[in-house]
Amino acid sequence: NEQLIHTLKNSILAMDYAEPILVIDTLPASAQVVAEALDALNWSEVVGTLAGERTVFVAVKPADKIFEVMERIKRFRQH
């Protein structure tokens, strides 16, 4: 979906992790939109998301899949 790609590409500033949580820093007021986009992807490794104003916590299971999820998100950002 072009809208999902646009959201992930243009709203995410940085990512880090604290296993099994992926932490995504977004533009101000964009965290909810990024979380919704990630939820819509229905990736089996993403158990759920929690969004604040500019930060999204992404619960990843199993924890060793966190780098795979980060790489997939990075690929969206490169399109």
Protein backbone atom coordinates (compact mmCIF):
# COMPACT_ATOMS: atom_id res chain seq x y z
CA ASN A 1 0.00 0.00 0.00
CA GLU A 2 1.49 3.33 -1.09
CA GLN A 3 0.11 5.16 1.94
CA LEU A 4 1.86 2.75 4.34
CA ILE A 5 5.15 3.12 2.48
CA HIS A 6 4.80 6.92 2.50
CA THR A 7 4.07 6.94 6.25
CA LEU A 8 6.99 4.69 7.16
CA LYS A 9 9.38 6.48 4.81
CA ASN A 10 8.59 10.03 5.84
CA SER A 11 7.73 9.82 9.54
CA ILE A 12 10.47 7.67 11.10
CA LEU A 13 13.60 9.48 12.26
CA ALA A 14 15.52 6.71 14.05
CA MET A 15 15.24 3.22 15.56
CA ASP A 16 16.84 1.46 18.50
CA TYR A 17 15.96 -1.58 20.56
CA ALA A 18 15.77 -2.97 24.09
CA GLU A 19 14.91 -6.60 23.41
CA PRO A 20 12.18 -7.55 22.78
CA ILE A 21 11.04 -3.93 22.26
CA LEU A 22 11.87 -1.95 19.14
CA VAL A 23 11.83 1.80 19.84
CA ILE A 24 11.02 4.09 16.92
CA ASP A 25 11.49 7.86 17.08
CA THR A 26 9.16 9.75 14.74
CA LEU A 27 8.39 13.28 13.70
CA PRO A 28 6.23 15.14 16.25
CA ALA A 29 2.63 13.89 16.28
CA SER A 30 3.47 11.00 13.92
CA ALA A 31 3.83 8.08 16.33
CA GLN A 32 0.16 7.07 16.16
CA VAL A 33 0.24 6.99 12.36
CA VAL A 34 3.45 4.93 12.29
CA ALA A 35 2.04 2.47 14.84
CA GLU A 36 -1.14 2.11 12.81
CA ALA A 37 0.89 1.50 9.64
CA LEU A 38 2.97 -1.19 11.36
CA ASP A 39 -0.16 -2.84 12.76
CA ALA A 40 -1.69 -2.89 9.28
CA LEU A 41 1.27 -4.86 7.94
CA ASN A 42 0.25 -7.84 10.12
CA TRP A 43 3.81 -9.13 10.53
CA SER A 44 3.72 -12.29 12.65
CA GLU A 45 6.75 -11.15 14.68
CA VAL A 46 5.02 -7.93 15.80
CA VAL A 47 2.91 -8.72 18.83
CA GLY A 48 1.68 -5.14 19.16
CA THR A 49 2.53 -1.45 19.16
CA LEU A 50 2.20 1.36 21.68
CA ALA A 51 2.45 4.97 20.51
CA GLY A 52 3.01 8.23 22.29
CA GLU A 53 3.48 11.63 20.67
CA ARG A 54 6.73 10.87 18.84
CA THR A 55 7.81 7.42 20.04
CA VAL A 56 6.50 3.98 19.11
CA PHE A 57 7.26 0.83 21.11
CA VAL A 58 6.97 -2.32 19.02
CA ALA A 59 6.83 -5.65 20.87
CA VAL A 60 8.65 -8.31 18.84
CA LYS A 61 8.35 -12.06 19.43
CA PRO A 62 10.58 -13.99 19.38
CA ALA A 63 13.15 -11.44 20.52
CA ASP A 64 15.78 -12.68 18.07
CA LYS A 65 13.58 -11.41 15.20
CA ILE A 66 14.02 -7.78 16.25
CA PHE A 67 16.82 -7.13 13.74
CA GLU A 68 14.76 -8.68 10.94
CA VAL A 69 11.85 -6.36 11.75
CA MET A 70 14.21 -3.36 11.87
CA GLU A 71 15.61 -4.29 8.45
CA ARG A 72 12.14 -4.59 6.94
CA ILE A 73 11.24 -1.13 8.25
CA LYS A 74 14.52 0.26 6.88
CA ARG A 75 13.63 -1.14 3.45
CA PHE A 76 10.33 0.76 3.52
CA ARG A 77 12.24 3.93 4.35
CA GLN A 78 14.55 3.46 1.34
CA HIS A 79 11.75 3.30 -1.26
